[in-house]
Amino acid sequence: MGSISVSRELAALGNETAQEIAKMLGYRFVDKNMLEERMKSYGLDAQKLERYDERRPSFIASLLQDRDDYLHYLKTAILAEADLGNCVFIGRGAGIVLKDLPGHIAIFLAAPIGIRTERVKSYFHCDERRALQIIEHSDQHRTGFHRYFFEIDWKEPKNYHAAFNTGFFSPVVCAELIKQMKDQIYTADTESQNAIRLKELILGQKIKHQITYEKEIPVHFLTVTVDGNTITLHGVGSSQTTVDAALEVARDLAGDVNVSNEITIVEDYNVIR
């Protein structure tokens, strides 16, 4: 199975290109609505979804546990969709979540500001001044979203496998070029390695979910990494009892995989939720 993620500037024909890729390759097209429905099914409420909808979070929001909840459920939803088989994601930081998968291709779409402006004028039936305001607003929010949740520069080329200028390349041409990339990159070995790594990422999310949301064990800043035969827990706990409880959950889900502890104990450590 493989996945392709498309990140895009406003008016860079992101949806059109992603849909064309999906059509050409016979992949599922996964958009905002599909991911949000999954996140709601996991228990994330609509208010949190609205607060972080590819927007730069407010100062108040940045202080809340809601941020970590949103990111956890977003990652879980993206991995669940990837696990269903070949798919094309549009936005939502999917390229960062899936960056460690051997069978993943991350694409960025851009266009010259003049072309973007003309497209926005057409989309919103507005004048040039208003179009430029809309573009600036969108770029600021997408920049803030990626920095806040993933600590990356949204437009930095090194975060993608390829970038296309849709001021010059149509969605069909972009899709054809991406198909050629996929045909060169995806092999039987890639397929096998991709499946293994995806299962590792999903297991890590499952362990974190059980510890944090099901058992409500207070390990702060918890991350769970799964690499081959080792699962490692990182975070901050207030007592050895807390750490032991988290490790027990991980071992119950790990099967034959070794569980390693990197949780730091800081007595009387509390985070306002």
C-alpha atoms as a PDB file:
ATOM      1  CA  MET A   1       0.000   0.000   0.000  1.00  0.00           C
ATOM      2  CA  GLY A   2       1.132   3.557  -0.628  1.00  0.00           C
ATOM      3  CA  SER A   3       0.119   7.084   0.278  1.00  0.00           C
ATOM      4  CA  ILE A   4       0.555  10.493  -1.295  1.00  0.00           C
ATOM      5  CA  SER A   5       0.046  13.745   0.591  1.00  0.00           C
ATOM      6  CA  VAL A   6      -0.637  17.071  -1.080  1.00  0.00           C
ATOM      7  CA  SER A   7       0.080  20.320   0.743  1.00  0.00           C
ATOM      8  CA  ARG A   8      -0.862  23.477  -1.090  1.00  0.00           C
ATOM      9  CA  GLU A   9      -1.113  27.220  -1.108  1.00  0.00           C
ATOM     10  CA  LEU A  10      -4.584  28.677  -1.445  1.00  0.00           C
ATOM     11  CA  ALA A  11      -5.523  28.832  -5.145  1.00  0.00           C
ATOM     12  CA  ALA A  12      -2.736  26.456  -6.175  1.00  0.00           C
ATOM     13  CA  LEU A  13      -5.290  23.882  -7.421  1.00  0.00           C
ATOM     14  CA  GLY A  14      -4.702  21.559  -4.495  1.00  0.00           C
ATOM     15  CA  ASN A  15      -8.019  19.719  -4.472  1.00  0.00           C
ATOM     16  CA  GLU A  16      -8.115  19.450  -8.247  1.00  0.00           C
ATOM     17  CA  THR A  17      -4.609  17.991  -8.382  1.00  0.00           C
ATOM     18  CA  ALA A  18      -5.117  15.594  -5.466  1.00  0.00           C
ATOM     19  CA  GLN A  19      -8.344  14.308  -6.995  1.00  0.00           C
ATOM     20  CA  GLU A  20      -6.644  13.863 -10.364  1.00  0.00           C
ATOM     21  CA  ILE A  21      -3.838  11.865  -8.729  1.00  0.00           C
ATOM     22  CA  ALA A  22      -6.375   9.645  -6.960  1.00  0.00           C
ATOM     23  CA  LYS A  23      -8.291   9.103 -10.183  1.00  0.00           C
ATOM     24  CA  MET A  24      -5.181   8.316 -12.230  1.00  0.00           C
ATOM     25  CA  LEU A  25      -3.749   5.883  -9.677  1.00  0.00           C
ATOM     26  CA  GLY A  26      -7.015   4.377  -8.483  1.00  0.00           C
ATOM     27  CA  TYR A  27      -6.323   5.617  -4.936  1.00  0.00           C
ATOM     28  CA  ARG A  28      -8.858   6.775  -2.369  1.00  0.00           C
ATOM     29  CA  PHE A  29      -9.114  10.537  -1.932  1.00  0.00           C
ATOM     30  CA  VAL A  30      -8.990  11.518   1.763  1.00  0.00           C
ATOM     31  CA  ASP A  31     -10.031  15.074   2.565  1.00  0.00           C
ATOM     32  CA  LYS A  32     -10.865  17.203   5.574  1.00  0.00           C
ATOM     33  CA  ASN A  33     -14.377  15.824   5.960  1.00  0.00           C
ATOM     34  CA  MET A  34     -13.259  12.188   6.045  1.00  0.00           C
ATOM     35  CA  LEU A  35     -10.590  12.866   8.643  1.00  0.00           C
ATOM     36  CA  GLU A  36     -12.933  14.949  10.779  1.00  0.00           C
ATOM     37  CA  GLU A  37     -15.588  12.246  10.753  1.00  0.00           C
ATOM     38  CA  ARG A  38     -13.000   9.790  12.034  1.00  0.00           C
ATOM     39  CA  MET A  39     -11.849  12.199  14.712  1.00  0.00           C
ATOM     40  CA  LYS A  40     -15.432  12.743  15.853  1.00  0.00           C
ATOM     41  CA  SER A  41     -15.954   8.985  16.025  1.00  0.00           C
ATOM     42  CA  TYR A  42     -12.980   8.818  18.424  1.00  0.00           C
ATOM     43  CA  GLY A  43     -14.651  11.358  20.708  1.00  0.00           C
ATOM     44  CA  LEU A  44     -13.133  14.686  19.634  1.00  0.00           C
ATOM     45  CA  ASP A  45     -15.839  17.339  19.731  1.00  0.00           C
ATOM     46  CA  ALA A  46     -16.682  19.733  16.922  1.00  0.00           C
ATOM     47  CA  GLN A  47     -15.502  22.794  18.860  1.00  0.00           C
ATOM     48  CA  LYS A  48     -11.933  21.509  18.965  1.00  0.00           C
ATOM     49  CA  LEU A  49     -12.045  20.641  15.284  1.00  0.00           C
ATOM     50  CA  GLU A  50     -13.161  24.169  14.459  1.00  0.00           C
ATOM     51  CA  ARG A  51     -10.506  25.731  16.658  1.00  0.00           C
ATOM     52  CA  TYR A  52      -7.624  24.014  14.889  1.00  0.00           C
ATOM     53  CA  ASP A  53      -8.910  23.746  11.315  1.00  0.00           C
ATOM     54  CA  GLU A  54      -5.568  24.509   9.591  1.00  0.00           C
ATOM     55  CA  ARG A  55      -5.505  27.755  11.509  1.00  0.00           C
ATOM     56  CA  ARG A  56      -2.937  29.496  13.629  1.00  0.00           C
ATOM     57  CA  PRO A  57      -4.147  28.742  17.172  1.00  0.00           C
ATOM     58  CA  SER A  58      -5.068  31.605  19.441  1.00  0.00           C
ATOM     59  CA  PHE A  59      -2.956  32.417  22.494  1.00  0.00           C
ATOM     60  CA  ILE A  60      -5.576  30.952  24.819  1.00  0.00           C
ATOM     61  CA  ALA A  61      -5.908  27.790  22.750  1.00  0.00           C
ATOM     62  CA  SER A  62      -2.156  27.289  22.846  1.00  0.00           C
ATOM     63  CA  LEU A  63      -2.320  26.968  26.627  1.00  0.00           C
ATOM     64  CA  LEU A  64      -4.902  24.194  26.619  1.00  0.00           C
ATOM     65  CA  GLN A  65      -4.682  20.412  26.615  1.00  0.00           C
ATOM     66  CA  ASP A  66      -7.058  20.604  23.665  1.00  0.00           C
ATOM     67  CA  ARG A  67      -4.031  21.106  21.405  1.00  0.00           C
ATOM     68  CA  ASP A  68      -2.511  17.758  22.363  1.00  0.00           C
ATOM     69  CA  ASP A  69      -5.883  16.040  22.081  1.00  0.00           C
ATOM     70  CA  TYR A  70      -6.420  17.394  18.584  1.00  0.00           C
ATOM     71  CA  LEU A  71      -2.973  16.329  17.390  1.00  0.00           C
ATOM     72  CA  HIS A  72      -3.331  12.859  18.872  1.00  0.00           C
ATOM     73  CA  TYR A  73      -6.665  12.233  17.173  1.00  0.00           C
ATOM     74  CA  LEU A  74      -5.485  13.782  13.918  1.00  0.00           C
ATOM     75  CA  LYS A  75      -2.482  11.429  13.782  1.00  0.00           C
ATOM     76  CA  THR A  76      -4.685   8.472  14.690  1.00  0.00           C
ATOM     77  CA  ALA A  77      -7.174   9.322  11.926  1.00  0.00           C
ATOM     78  CA  ILE A  78      -4.468   9.776   9.267  1.00  0.00           C
ATOM     79  CA  LEU A  79      -2.780   6.485  10.179  1.00  0.00           C
ATOM     80  CA  ALA A  80      -6.128   4.677  10.167  1.00  0.00           C
ATOM     81  CA  GLU A  81      -6.886   5.935   6.658  1.00  0.00           C
ATOM     82  CA  ALA A  82      -3.412   4.981   5.440  1.00  0.00           C
ATOM     83  CA  ASP A  83      -3.905   1.508   6.890  1.00  0.00           C
ATOM     84  CA  LEU A  84      -6.988   0.989   4.704  1.00  0.00           C
ATOM     85  CA  GLY A  85      -4.841   1.024   1.568  1.00  0.00           C
ATOM     86  CA  ASN A  86      -3.619   3.304  -1.203  1.00  0.00           C
ATOM     87  CA  CYS A  87      -4.789   6.875  -0.679  1.00  0.00           C
ATOM     88  CA  VAL A  88      -4.175  10.543  -1.457  1.00  0.00           C
ATOM     89  CA  PHE A  89      -4.392  13.039   1.409  1.00  0.00           C
ATOM     90  CA  ILE A  90      -5.068  16.741   0.975  1.00  0.00           C
ATOM     91  CA  GLY A  91      -3.701  19.027   3.714  1.00  0.00           C
ATOM     92  CA  ARG A  92      -3.987  18.468   7.475  1.00  0.00           C
ATOM     93  CA  GLY A  93      -0.261  17.827   7.915  1.00  0.00           C
ATOM     94  CA  ALA A  94      -0.556  14.292   6.557  1.00  0.00           C
ATOM     95  CA  GLY A  95       2.861  14.549   4.941  1.00  0.00           C
ATOM     96  CA  ILE A  96       4.514  15.095   8.315  1.00  0.00           C
ATOM     97  CA  VAL A  97       2.555  12.348  10.062  1.00  0.00           C
ATOM     98  CA  LEU A  98       3.474   9.855   7.320  1.00  0.00           C
ATOM     99  CA  LYS A  99       7.005  11.092   6.610  1.00  0.00           C
ATOM    100  CA  ASP A 100       8.683   7.958   7.981  1.00  0.00           C
ATOM    101  CA  LEU A 101       6.772   5.607   5.700  1.00  0.00           C
ATOM    102  CA  PRO A 102       8.901   4.203   2.843  1.00  0.00           C
ATOM    103  CA  GLY A 103       5.796   4.116   0.642  1.00  0.00           C
ATOM    104  CA  HIS A 104       4.848   7.754   1.079  1.00  0.00           C
ATOM    105  CA  ILE A 105       5.322  10.688  -1.313  1.00  0.00           C
ATOM    106  CA  ALA A 106       4.856  14.257  -0.046  1.00  0.00           C
ATOM    107  CA  ILE A 107       3.954  16.919  -2.633  1.00  0.00           C
ATOM    108  CA  PHE A 108       3.764  20.710  -2.350  1.00  0.00           C
ATOM    109  CA  LEU A 109       1.787  22.857  -4.788  1.00  0.00           C
ATOM    110  CA  ALA A 110       2.426  26.563  -5.300  1.00  0.00           C
ATOM    111  CA  ALA A 111       1.656  29.234  -7.899  1.00  0.00           C
ATOM    112  CA  PRO A 112       2.777  32.802  -8.637  1.00  0.00           C
ATOM    113  CA  ILE A 113       0.967  35.422  -6.575  1.00  0.00           C
ATOM    114  CA  GLY A 114      -0.550  37.024  -9.668  1.00  0.00           C
ATOM    115  CA  ILE A 115      -2.132  33.764 -10.780  1.00  0.00           C
ATOM    116  CA  ARG A 116      -3.321  32.993  -7.273  1.00  0.00           C
ATOM    117  CA  THR A 117      -4.866  36.442  -7.045  1.00  0.00           C
ATOM    118  CA  GLU A 118      -6.792  35.997 -10.297  1.00  0.00           C
ATOM    119  CA  ARG A 119      -8.072  32.608  -9.166  1.00  0.00           C
ATOM    120  CA  VAL A 120      -9.203  33.957  -5.805  1.00  0.00           C
ATOM    121  CA  LYS A 121     -10.964  36.863  -7.504  1.00  0.00           C
ATOM    122  CA  SER A 122     -12.853  34.296  -9.572  1.00  0.00           C
ATOM    123  CA  TYR A 123     -13.590  31.988  -6.606  1.00  0.00           C
ATOM    124  CA  PHE A 124     -14.865  34.713  -4.276  1.00  0.00           C
ATOM    125  CA  HIS A 125     -16.125  37.268  -6.816  1.00  0.00           C
ATOM    126  CA  CYS A 126     -14.014  40.003  -5.235  1.00  0.00           C
ATOM    127  CA  ASP A 127     -11.561  42.694  -6.271  1.00  0.00           C
ATOM    128  CA  GLU A 128      -7.769  42.409  -6.218  1.00  0.00           C
ATOM    129  CA  ARG A 129      -7.325  44.067  -2.844  1.00  0.00           C
ATOM    130  CA  ARG A 130      -9.730  41.668  -1.159  1.00  0.00           C
ATOM    131  CA  ALA A 131      -8.183  38.696  -2.983  1.00  0.00           C
ATOM    132  CA  LEU A 132      -4.732  39.572  -1.654  1.00  0.00           C
ATOM    133  CA  GLN A 133      -6.155  39.849   1.872  1.00  0.00           C
ATOM    134  CA  ILE A 134      -7.712  36.388   1.563  1.00  0.00           C
ATOM    135  CA  ILE A 135      -4.418  34.901   0.332  1.00  0.00           C
ATOM    136  CA  GLU A 136      -2.415  36.547   3.113  1.00  0.00           C
ATOM    137  CA  HIS A 137      -4.910  35.360   5.734  1.00  0.00           C
ATOM    138  CA  SER A 138      -4.783  31.776   4.436  1.00  0.00           C
ATOM    139  CA  ASP A 139      -0.979  31.684   4.239  1.00  0.00           C
ATOM    140  CA  GLN A 140      -0.630  33.018   7.780  1.00  0.00           C
ATOM    141  CA  HIS A 141      -2.963  30.406   9.210  1.00  0.00           C
ATOM    142  CA  ARG A 142      -1.383  27.505   7.359  1.00  0.00           C
ATOM    143  CA  THR A 143       2.059  28.674   8.418  1.00  0.00           C
ATOM    144  CA  GLY A 144       0.914  28.920  12.039  1.00  0.00           C
ATOM    145  CA  PHE A 145      -0.817  25.533  11.933  1.00  0.00           C
ATOM    146  CA  HIS A 146       2.305  23.703  10.736  1.00  0.00           C
ATOM    147  CA  ARG A 147       4.654  25.513  13.108  1.00  0.00           C
ATOM    148  CA  TYR A 148       2.397  24.976  16.096  1.00  0.00           C
ATOM    149  CA  PHE A 149       1.605  21.306  15.614  1.00  0.00           C
ATOM    150  CA  PHE A 150       4.617  20.018  13.702  1.00  0.00           C
ATOM    151  CA  GLU A 151       7.368  22.600  14.231  1.00  0.00           C
ATOM    152  CA  ILE A 152       8.158  22.905  10.536  1.00  0.00           C
ATOM    153  CA  ASP A 153       8.256  25.658   7.948  1.00  0.00           C
ATOM    154  CA  TRP A 154       5.253  24.866   5.786  1.00  0.00           C
ATOM    155  CA  LYS A 155       6.869  26.106   2.568  1.00  0.00           C
ATOM    156  CA  GLU A 156      10.342  24.652   3.150  1.00  0.00           C
ATOM    157  CA  PRO A 157      11.154  22.403   0.130  1.00  0.00           C
ATOM    158  CA  LYS A 158      13.083  19.864   2.222  1.00  0.00           C
ATOM    159  CA  ASN A 159       9.794  18.794   3.851  1.00  0.00           C
ATOM    160  CA  TYR A 160       8.553  17.412   0.521  1.00  0.00           C
ATOM    161  CA  HIS A 161       9.677  14.975  -2.129  1.00  0.00           C
ATOM    162  CA  ALA A 162       8.635  17.323  -4.935  1.00  0.00           C
ATOM    163  CA  ALA A 163       7.015  20.708  -5.525  1.00  0.00           C
ATOM    164  CA  PHE A 164       4.987  21.785  -8.550  1.00  0.00           C
ATOM    165  CA  ASN A 165       4.086  25.219  -9.850  1.00  0.00           C
ATOM    166  CA  THR A 166       0.425  24.999 -10.855  1.00  0.00           C
ATOM    167  CA  GLY A 167       0.707  28.336 -12.574  1.00  0.00           C
ATOM    168  CA  PHE A 168       2.453  26.382 -15.309  1.00  0.00           C
ATOM    169  CA  PHE A 169       1.507  22.724 -14.757  1.00  0.00           C
ATOM    170  CA  SER A 170      -2.128  21.638 -14.872  1.00  0.00           C
ATOM    171  CA  PRO A 171      -3.525  19.114 -12.371  1.00  0.00           C
ATOM    172  CA  VAL A 172      -3.385  16.427 -15.067  1.00  0.00           C
ATOM    173  CA  VAL A 173       0.286  17.087 -15.834  1.00  0.00           C
ATOM    174  CA  CYS A 174       1.149  17.134 -12.114  1.00  0.00           C
ATOM    175  CA  ALA A 175      -0.679  13.847 -11.627  1.00  0.00           C
ATOM    176  CA  GLU A 176       1.167  12.258 -14.539  1.00  0.00           C
ATOM    177  CA  LEU A 177       4.543  13.336 -13.159  1.00  0.00           C
ATOM    178  CA  ILE A 178       3.660  12.076  -9.678  1.00  0.00           C
ATOM    179  CA  LYS A 179       2.555   8.754 -11.152  1.00  0.00           C
ATOM    180  CA  GLN A 180       5.970   8.422 -12.780  1.00  0.00           C
ATOM    181  CA  MET A 181       7.600   9.104  -9.417  1.00  0.00           C
ATOM    182  CA  LYS A 182       5.421   6.503  -7.749  1.00  0.00           C
ATOM    183  CA  ASP A 183       6.215   3.881 -10.381  1.00  0.00           C
ATOM    184  CA  GLN A 184       9.944   4.431  -9.842  1.00  0.00           C
ATOM    185  CA  ILE A 185       9.817   4.497  -6.039  1.00  0.00           C
ATOM    186  CA  TYR A 186       7.305   1.795  -5.157  1.00  0.00           C
ATOM    187  CA  THR A 187       8.720  -1.736  -5.281  1.00  0.00           C
ATOM    188  CA  ALA A 188       7.761  -5.013  -3.636  1.00  0.00           C
ATOM    189  CA  ASP A 189      10.393  -4.313  -0.984  1.00  0.00           C
ATOM    190  CA  THR A 190       9.002  -0.809  -0.414  1.00  0.00           C
ATOM    191  CA  GLU A 191       5.540  -2.285   0.001  1.00  0.00           C
ATOM    192  CA  SER A 192       6.754  -4.718   2.653  1.00  0.00           C
ATOM    193  CA  GLN A 193       8.758  -2.132   4.577  1.00  0.00           C
ATOM    194  CA  ASN A 194       5.890   0.350   4.395  1.00  0.00           C
ATOM    195  CA  ALA A 195       3.433  -2.129   5.928  1.00  0.00           C
ATOM    196  CA  ILE A 196       5.809  -2.885   8.784  1.00  0.00           C
ATOM    197  CA  ARG A 197       6.486   0.767   9.569  1.00  0.00           C
ATOM    198  CA  LEU A 198       2.806   1.682   9.388  1.00  0.00           C
ATOM    199  CA  LYS A 199       1.945  -1.015  11.912  1.00  0.00           C
ATOM    200  CA  GLU A 200       4.646   0.361  14.217  1.00  0.00           C
ATOM    201  CA  LEU A 201       3.237   3.881  14.034  1.00  0.00           C
ATOM    202  CA  ILE A 202      -0.290   2.616  14.677  1.00  0.00           C
ATOM    203  CA  LEU A 203       0.877   0.583  17.685  1.00  0.00           C
ATOM    204  CA  GLY A 204       2.572   3.660  19.131  1.00  0.00           C
ATOM    205  CA  GLN A 205      -0.644   5.659  18.815  1.00  0.00           C
ATOM    206  CA  LYS A 206      -2.660   2.829  20.355  1.00  0.00           C
ATOM    207  CA  ILE A 207      -0.381   2.622  23.377  1.00  0.00           C
ATOM    208  CA  LYS A 208      -0.470   6.384  23.899  1.00  0.00           C
ATOM    209  CA  HIS A 209      -4.269   6.362  23.613  1.00  0.00           C
ATOM    210  CA  GLN A 210      -4.626   3.653  26.237  1.00  0.00           C
ATOM    211  CA  ILE A 211      -2.273   5.341  28.678  1.00  0.00           C
ATOM    212  CA  THR A 212      -3.559   8.894  28.257  1.00  0.00           C
ATOM    213  CA  TYR A 213      -7.227   8.596  27.299  1.00  0.00           C
ATOM    214  CA  GLU A 214      -8.439   5.192  28.466  1.00  0.00           C
ATOM    215  CA  LYS A 215      -6.455   4.649  31.683  1.00  0.00           C
ATOM    216  CA  GLU A 216      -5.880   8.395  32.243  1.00  0.00           C
ATOM    217  CA  ILE A 217      -2.405   7.793  33.641  1.00  0.00           C
ATOM    218  CA  PRO A 218      -0.817  11.234  34.176  1.00  0.00           C
ATOM    219  CA  VAL A 219       2.343  10.988  32.096  1.00  0.00           C
ATOM    220  CA  HIS A 220       2.811  14.466  30.664  1.00  0.00           C
ATOM    221  CA  PHE A 221       4.227  15.104  27.176  1.00  0.00           C
ATOM    222  CA  LEU A 222       3.987  11.373  26.507  1.00  0.00           C
ATOM    223  CA  THR A 223       5.416  10.078  23.251  1.00  0.00           C
ATOM    224  CA  VAL A 224       5.629   6.441  22.259  1.00  0.00           C
ATOM    225  CA  THR A 225       8.096   5.314  19.617  1.00  0.00           C
ATOM    226  CA  VAL A 226       8.088   1.844  18.106  1.00  0.00           C
ATOM    227  CA  ASP A 227      11.192   0.768  16.235  1.00  0.00           C
ATOM    228  CA  GLY A 228      11.556  -2.881  15.345  1.00  0.00           C
ATOM    229  CA  ASN A 229      11.646  -4.902  18.560  1.00  0.00           C
ATOM    230  CA  THR A 230      11.704  -1.927  20.916  1.00  0.00           C
ATOM    231  CA  ILE A 231       8.964   0.338  22.233  1.00  0.00           C
ATOM    232  CA  THR A 232      10.168   3.420  24.091  1.00  0.00           C
ATOM    233  CA  LEU A 233       8.075   5.659  26.331  1.00  0.00           C
ATOM    234  CA  HIS A 234       9.181   9.276  26.818  1.00  0.00           C
ATOM    235  CA  GLY A 235       7.547  11.873  29.049  1.00  0.00           C
ATOM    236  CA  VAL A 236       7.332  13.240  32.579  1.00  0.00           C
ATOM    237  CA  GLY A 237       5.677  11.487  35.509  1.00  0.00           C
ATOM    238  CA  SER A 238       5.319  12.524  39.140  1.00  0.00           C
ATOM    239  CA  SER A 239       6.054   9.123  40.715  1.00  0.00           C
ATOM    240  CA  GLN A 240       7.411   5.651  40.079  1.00  0.00           C
ATOM    241  CA  THR A 241       3.887   4.321  40.527  1.00  0.00           C
ATOM    242  CA  THR A 242       2.736   6.435  37.583  1.00  0.00           C
ATOM    243  CA  VAL A 243       5.624   5.229  35.442  1.00  0.00           C
ATOM    244  CA  ASP A 244       5.005   1.591  36.338  1.00  0.00           C
ATOM    245  CA  ALA A 245       1.328   1.899  35.440  1.00  0.00           C
ATOM    246  CA  ALA A 246       2.195   3.335  32.018  1.00  0.00           C
ATOM    247  CA  LEU A 247       4.761   0.600  31.382  1.00  0.00           C
ATOM    248  CA  GLU A 248       2.231  -2.074  32.300  1.00  0.00           C
ATOM    249  CA  VAL A 249      -0.209  -0.766  29.716  1.00  0.00           C
ATOM    250  CA  ALA A 250       2.518  -0.685  27.076  1.00  0.00           C
ATOM    251  CA  ARG A 251       3.635  -4.235  27.859  1.00  0.00           C
ATOM    252  CA  ASP A 252       0.062  -5.519  27.665  1.00  0.00           C
ATOM    253  CA  LEU A 253      -0.217  -4.154  24.115  1.00  0.00           C
ATOM    254  CA  ALA A 254       3.356  -4.853  23.015  1.00  0.00           C
ATOM    255  CA  GLY A 255       3.170  -8.615  22.695  1.00  0.00           C
ATOM    256  CA  ASP A 256       6.729  -9.890  22.258  1.00  0.00           C
ATOM    257  CA  VAL A 257       8.198  -6.419  21.706  1.00  0.00           C
ATOM    258  CA  ASN A 258      10.539  -5.068  24.380  1.00  0.00           C
ATOM    259  CA  VAL A 259       9.351  -1.974  26.275  1.00  0.00           C
ATOM    260  CA  SER A 260      11.959   0.615  27.261  1.00  0.00           C
ATOM    261  CA  ASN A 261      11.371   3.403  29.774  1.00  0.00           C
ATOM    262  CA  GLU A 262      12.619   6.963  29.218  1.00  0.00           C
ATOM    263  CA  ILE A 263       9.981   8.668  31.382  1.00  0.00           C
ATOM    264  CA  THR A 264      11.511  11.201  33.742  1.00  0.00           C
ATOM    265  CA  ILE A 265      10.178  11.347  37.310  1.00  0.00           C
ATOM    266  CA  VAL A 266       9.647  14.848  38.676  1.00  0.00           C
ATOM    267  CA  GLU A 267       7.874  14.810  42.042  1.00  0.00           C
ATOM    268  CA  ASP A 268       4.824  17.043  42.408  1.00  0.00           C
ATOM    269  CA  TYR A 269       4.901  17.831  38.681  1.00  0.00           C
ATOM    270  CA  ASN A 270       1.530  19.137  37.501  1.00  0.00           C
ATOM    271  CA  VAL A 271       0.168  20.550  34.279  1.00  0.00           C
ATOM    272  CA  ILE A 272      -3.045  22.565  34.245  1.00  0.00           C
ATOM    273  CA  ARG A 273      -5.472  20.823  31.929  1.00  0.00           C
END
